[in-house]
Structure formats: structure tokens, C-alpha cells
Amino acid sequence: MPKKNTRKPTILILDDDPDVREPLASYLTKRNYKVFTAATNVEAIAAIKEFSPHIVLCDVKPEKDGQRLVILKEAKEIKPEIICYVITCPHQDI
């Protein structure tokens, strides 16, 4: 009988706010995910090329120019099987 793959995916968190990025990374690391973080688009592309994560959690601020959405497109070009999730939260509500 083949062994079931129990390896958890590697996750890249892209968020410019360390007050969001670091607690999320800590939460996922404590649950045995391998986590990398990036504060900028440039850092994110470098991390995708170097670490080849399975998942990208990407903060997007709707009021900005959409550059983060371009990063998700680039991520798919680098690694077509990557799964990208968009996350957002208005800080004034926290």
C-alpha cells in the first residue's frame, strides 16, 4: 500500500506590513508549515525563484495600483502549479 503524502505545503507570505506578515508566519510555522516571507514584490519574486513555494498568500490593497496582482501573474509564469490566494484587511477596522 503506498504511503500517503503528509508533507505540508511551503507557503510564501507577501505583505508589506510586518504586524500582519510576522504573526501569520508564526501561526503557520507553529502548525508545521514551511513559511517564507516577503515585504516587497522584488523579495517575493526572488523567494519564488529560490524556494519554489506551493502557495502564495498575497496582501492586496484595493485602493493601490494593482501591482500585487501583477506579481501573482509573474508567480504563475515562474511556477505554473503555484496556488495564489489574495488576502486583504482594512487596518482601520483592526
C-alpha atoms as a PDB file:
ATOM      1  CA  MET A   1       0.000   0.000   0.000  1.00  0.00           C
ATOM      2  CA  PRO A   2       1.529   3.394  -0.985  1.00  0.00           C
ATOM      3  CA  LYS A   3       2.297   5.889   1.740  1.00  0.00           C
ATOM      4  CA  LYS A   4       0.030   8.892   1.939  1.00  0.00           C
ATOM      5  CA  ASN A   5       1.846  12.181   1.341  1.00  0.00           C
ATOM      6  CA  THR A   6       1.601  14.003   4.659  1.00  0.00           C
ATOM      7  CA  ARG A   7       4.082  16.753   3.792  1.00  0.00           C
ATOM      8  CA  LYS A   8       2.539  20.166   4.235  1.00  0.00           C
ATOM      9  CA  PRO A   9       2.917  22.757   1.503  1.00  0.00           C
ATOM     10  CA  THR A  10       5.501  25.513   1.570  1.00  0.00           C
ATOM     11  CA  ILE A  11       3.928  28.970   1.862  1.00  0.00           C
ATOM     12  CA  LEU A  12       5.149  32.417   0.869  1.00  0.00           C
ATOM     13  CA  ILE A  13       3.503  35.365   2.626  1.00  0.00           C
ATOM     14  CA  LEU A  14       3.710  38.655   0.736  1.00  0.00           C
ATOM     15  CA  ASP A  15       2.634  41.582   2.892  1.00  0.00           C
ATOM     16  CA  ASP A  16       4.351  44.923   3.427  1.00  0.00           C
ATOM     17  CA  ASP A  17       3.002  45.223   6.974  1.00  0.00           C
ATOM     18  CA  PRO A  18       5.145  43.311   9.500  1.00  0.00           C
ATOM     19  CA  ASP A  19       2.266  43.460  12.015  1.00  0.00           C
ATOM     20  CA  VAL A  20       0.314  41.190   9.673  1.00  0.00           C
ATOM     21  CA  ARG A  21       3.108  39.241   7.983  1.00  0.00           C
ATOM     22  CA  GLU A  22       5.007  38.083  11.074  1.00  0.00           C
ATOM     23  CA  PRO A  23       2.087  36.815  13.213  1.00  0.00           C
ATOM     24  CA  LEU A  24       0.679  34.955  10.206  1.00  0.00           C
ATOM     25  CA  ALA A  25       4.080  33.391   9.537  1.00  0.00           C
ATOM     26  CA  SER A  26       4.393  32.421  13.197  1.00  0.00           C
ATOM     27  CA  TYR A  27       0.905  30.880  13.232  1.00  0.00           C
ATOM     28  CA  LEU A  28       1.592  28.760  10.159  1.00  0.00           C
ATOM     29  CA  THR A  29       5.099  27.760  11.305  1.00  0.00           C
ATOM     30  CA  LYS A  30       3.699  26.501  14.610  1.00  0.00           C
ATOM     31  CA  ARG A  31       1.428  24.263  12.546  1.00  0.00           C
ATOM     32  CA  ASN A  32       4.455  22.755  10.803  1.00  0.00           C
ATOM     33  CA  TYR A  33       4.226  24.635   7.520  1.00  0.00           C
ATOM     34  CA  LYS A  34       7.488  25.803   5.993  1.00  0.00           C
ATOM     35  CA  VAL A  35       6.990  29.557   5.624  1.00  0.00           C
ATOM     36  CA  PHE A  36       8.897  32.281   3.820  1.00  0.00           C
ATOM     37  CA  THR A  37       8.004  35.954   3.952  1.00  0.00           C
ATOM     38  CA  ALA A  38       8.422  38.922   1.648  1.00  0.00           C
ATOM     39  CA  ALA A  39       7.691  42.591   2.234  1.00  0.00           C
ATOM     40  CA  THR A  40       8.061  43.709  -1.383  1.00  0.00           C
ATOM     41  CA  ASN A  41       7.285  42.447  -4.864  1.00  0.00           C
ATOM     42  CA  VAL A  42      11.001  42.110  -5.605  1.00  0.00           C
ATOM     43  CA  GLU A  43      11.537  39.985  -2.475  1.00  0.00           C
ATOM     44  CA  ALA A  44       8.535  37.841  -3.423  1.00  0.00           C
ATOM     45  CA  ILE A  45       9.794  37.064  -6.932  1.00  0.00           C
ATOM     46  CA  ALA A  46      13.242  36.206  -5.535  1.00  0.00           C
ATOM     47  CA  ALA A  47      11.652  33.890  -2.928  1.00  0.00           C
ATOM     48  CA  ILE A  48       9.506  32.158  -5.548  1.00  0.00           C
ATOM     49  CA  LYS A  49      12.573  31.521  -7.704  1.00  0.00           C
ATOM     50  CA  GLU A  50      14.733  30.371  -4.790  1.00  0.00           C
ATOM     51  CA  PHE A  51      12.301  28.410  -2.603  1.00  0.00           C
ATOM     52  CA  SER A  52       9.586  27.359  -5.081  1.00  0.00           C
ATOM     53  CA  PRO A  53       6.663  27.587  -2.625  1.00  0.00           C
ATOM     54  CA  HIS A  54       3.433  25.713  -3.231  1.00  0.00           C
ATOM     55  CA  ILE A  55       1.226  28.609  -2.081  1.00  0.00           C
ATOM     56  CA  VAL A  56       1.467  32.413  -2.095  1.00  0.00           C
ATOM     57  CA  LEU A  57      -0.647  34.447   0.322  1.00  0.00           C
ATOM     58  CA  CYS A  58      -0.622  37.933  -1.135  1.00  0.00           C
ATOM     59  CA  ASP A  59      -1.882  41.093   0.535  1.00  0.00           C
ATOM     60  CA  VAL A  60      -3.692  43.372  -1.899  1.00  0.00           C
ATOM     61  CA  LYS A  61      -4.919  46.836  -1.080  1.00  0.00           C
ATOM     62  CA  PRO A  62      -7.788  47.687  -3.440  1.00  0.00           C
ATOM     63  CA  GLU A  63      -7.028  51.411  -3.320  1.00  0.00           C
ATOM     64  CA  LYS A  64      -3.495  50.888  -4.708  1.00  0.00           C
ATOM     65  CA  ASP A  65      -2.401  50.392  -8.311  1.00  0.00           C
ATOM     66  CA  GLY A  66      -2.734  46.625  -8.578  1.00  0.00           C
ATOM     67  CA  GLN A  67       0.996  45.873  -8.729  1.00  0.00           C
ATOM     68  CA  ARG A  68       0.488  42.944  -6.386  1.00  0.00           C
ATOM     69  CA  LEU A  69      -1.829  41.337  -8.928  1.00  0.00           C
ATOM     70  CA  VAL A  70       0.978  41.596 -11.476  1.00  0.00           C
ATOM     71  CA  ILE A  71       3.182  39.663  -9.047  1.00  0.00           C
ATOM     72  CA  LEU A  72       0.659  36.834  -8.951  1.00  0.00           C
ATOM     73  CA  LYS A  73       0.770  36.640 -12.751  1.00  0.00           C
ATOM     74  CA  GLU A  74       4.577  36.539 -12.622  1.00  0.00           C
ATOM     75  CA  ALA A  75       4.447  33.835  -9.950  1.00  0.00           C
ATOM     76  CA  LYS A  76       2.307  31.677 -12.261  1.00  0.00           C
ATOM     77  CA  GLU A  77       4.770  32.246 -15.112  1.00  0.00           C
ATOM     78  CA  ILE A  78       7.685  31.141 -12.908  1.00  0.00           C
ATOM     79  CA  LYS A  79       5.841  28.172 -11.394  1.00  0.00           C
ATOM     80  CA  PRO A  80       2.543  27.375 -13.190  1.00  0.00           C
ATOM     81  CA  GLU A  81       1.340  24.985 -10.478  1.00  0.00           C
ATOM     82  CA  ILE A  82       1.639  27.584  -7.695  1.00  0.00           C
ATOM     83  CA  ILE A  83      -1.589  28.417  -5.849  1.00  0.00           C
ATOM     84  CA  CYS A  84      -2.151  32.113  -5.157  1.00  0.00           C
ATOM     85  CA  TYR A  85      -4.557  33.491  -2.562  1.00  0.00           C
ATOM     86  CA  VAL A  86      -5.355  37.164  -2.239  1.00  0.00           C
ATOM     87  CA  ILE A  87      -5.833  38.480   1.287  1.00  0.00           C
ATOM     88  CA  THR A  88      -6.823  41.964   2.408  1.00  0.00           C
ATOM     89  CA  CYS A  89      -7.949  43.723   5.540  1.00  0.00           C
ATOM     90  CA  PRO A  90      -8.659  47.388   6.171  1.00  0.00           C
ATOM     91  CA  HIS A  91      -6.351  48.260   9.078  1.00  0.00           C
ATOM     92  CA  GLN A  92      -8.664  50.885  10.487  1.00  0.00           C
ATOM     93  CA  ASP A  93     -11.056  48.048  11.432  1.00  0.00           C
ATOM     94  CA  ILE A  94      -8.485  46.061  13.411  1.00  0.00           C
END
